[in-house]
Amino acid sequence: MITIKGRVTDAAPGARFKVTLDNGHILNAVVSGKIRKNNIQIILDDVVEVEMSPYDLTLGRITYRF
């Protein structure tokens, strides 16, 4: 897994977000189970940590909110 920081730029239904990475790349991200379980709210302009697969760089999983 590739771990990188980014900023939430858009929210979509179903706990999906558009995240802009530090290098300018935009990807779709979903919330991980631990964040969902602990009711951590993610709003626009939050800085988050995203895990990405090297096989599909357009999808990611939000694992931490700073």
Protein backbone atom coordinates (compact mmCIF):
# COMPACT_ATOMS: atom_id res chain seq x y z
CA MET A 1 0.00 0.00 0.00
CA ILE A 2 1.06 3.56 -0.73
CA THR A 3 0.36 6.01 2.13
CA ILE A 4 0.16 9.72 1.34
CA LYS A 5 -1.40 12.91 2.77
CA GLY A 6 -4.12 14.87 1.03
CA ARG A 7 -6.95 17.35 1.51
CA VAL A 8 -10.67 16.58 1.19
CA THR A 9 -12.15 18.73 -1.57
CA ASP A 10 -15.61 17.24 -2.14
CA ALA A 11 -18.04 14.96 -0.31
CA ALA A 12 -20.36 12.49 -2.03
CA PRO A 13 -23.11 10.23 -0.67
CA GLY A 14 -22.12 6.92 0.86
CA ALA A 15 -19.06 8.20 2.79
CA ARG A 16 -17.12 8.84 -0.42
CA PHE A 17 -14.82 11.81 -0.82
CA LYS A 18 -12.67 13.44 -3.46
CA VAL A 19 -9.18 13.94 -2.09
CA THR A 20 -6.52 16.16 -3.65
CA LEU A 21 -3.05 14.87 -2.83
CA ASP A 22 -0.02 17.05 -2.12
CA ASN A 23 1.30 16.40 -5.63
CA GLY A 24 -1.97 17.59 -7.25
CA HIS A 25 -3.42 14.15 -8.09
CA ILE A 26 -7.19 13.80 -7.43
CA LEU A 27 -8.68 10.48 -6.31
CA ASN A 28 -11.89 9.03 -4.92
CA ALA A 29 -11.61 7.75 -1.36
CA VAL A 30 -13.82 5.85 1.06
CA VAL A 31 -13.71 5.87 4.84
CA SER A 32 -11.98 2.96 6.57
CA GLY A 33 -13.82 0.76 9.06
CA LYS A 34 -12.07 2.11 12.17
CA ILE A 35 -13.05 5.69 11.32
CA ARG A 36 -16.62 4.61 10.62
CA LYS A 37 -16.77 2.54 13.84
CA ASN A 38 -15.54 5.42 16.03
CA ASN A 39 -17.86 8.00 14.38
CA ILE A 40 -15.06 10.32 13.28
CA GLN A 41 -16.56 13.02 11.09
CA ILE A 42 -14.69 14.08 7.96
CA ILE A 43 -15.61 17.45 6.48
CA LEU A 44 -14.30 19.58 3.64
CA ASP A 45 -10.72 20.91 3.88
CA ASP A 46 -9.68 18.23 6.39
CA VAL A 47 -6.15 16.92 5.99
CA VAL A 48 -6.28 13.13 5.80
CA GLU A 49 -3.96 10.18 5.29
CA VAL A 50 -4.94 7.99 2.34
CA GLU A 51 -3.87 4.45 1.45
CA MET A 52 -3.73 3.65 -2.26
CA SER A 53 -3.07 0.45 -4.16
CA PRO A 54 -0.27 0.60 -6.72
CA TYR A 55 -2.60 -1.13 -9.20
CA ASP A 56 -5.35 1.52 -9.22
CA LEU A 57 -4.21 5.04 -8.37
CA THR A 58 -7.70 6.55 -8.70
CA LEU A 59 -9.14 4.86 -5.59
CA GLY A 60 -8.08 5.12 -1.97
CA ARG A 61 -9.03 4.53 1.65
CA ILE A 62 -8.97 7.29 4.29
CA THR A 63 -7.17 5.86 7.32
CA TYR A 64 -6.44 8.91 9.48
CA ARG A 65 -7.76 12.46 9.95
CA PHE A 66 -5.29 15.09 11.18
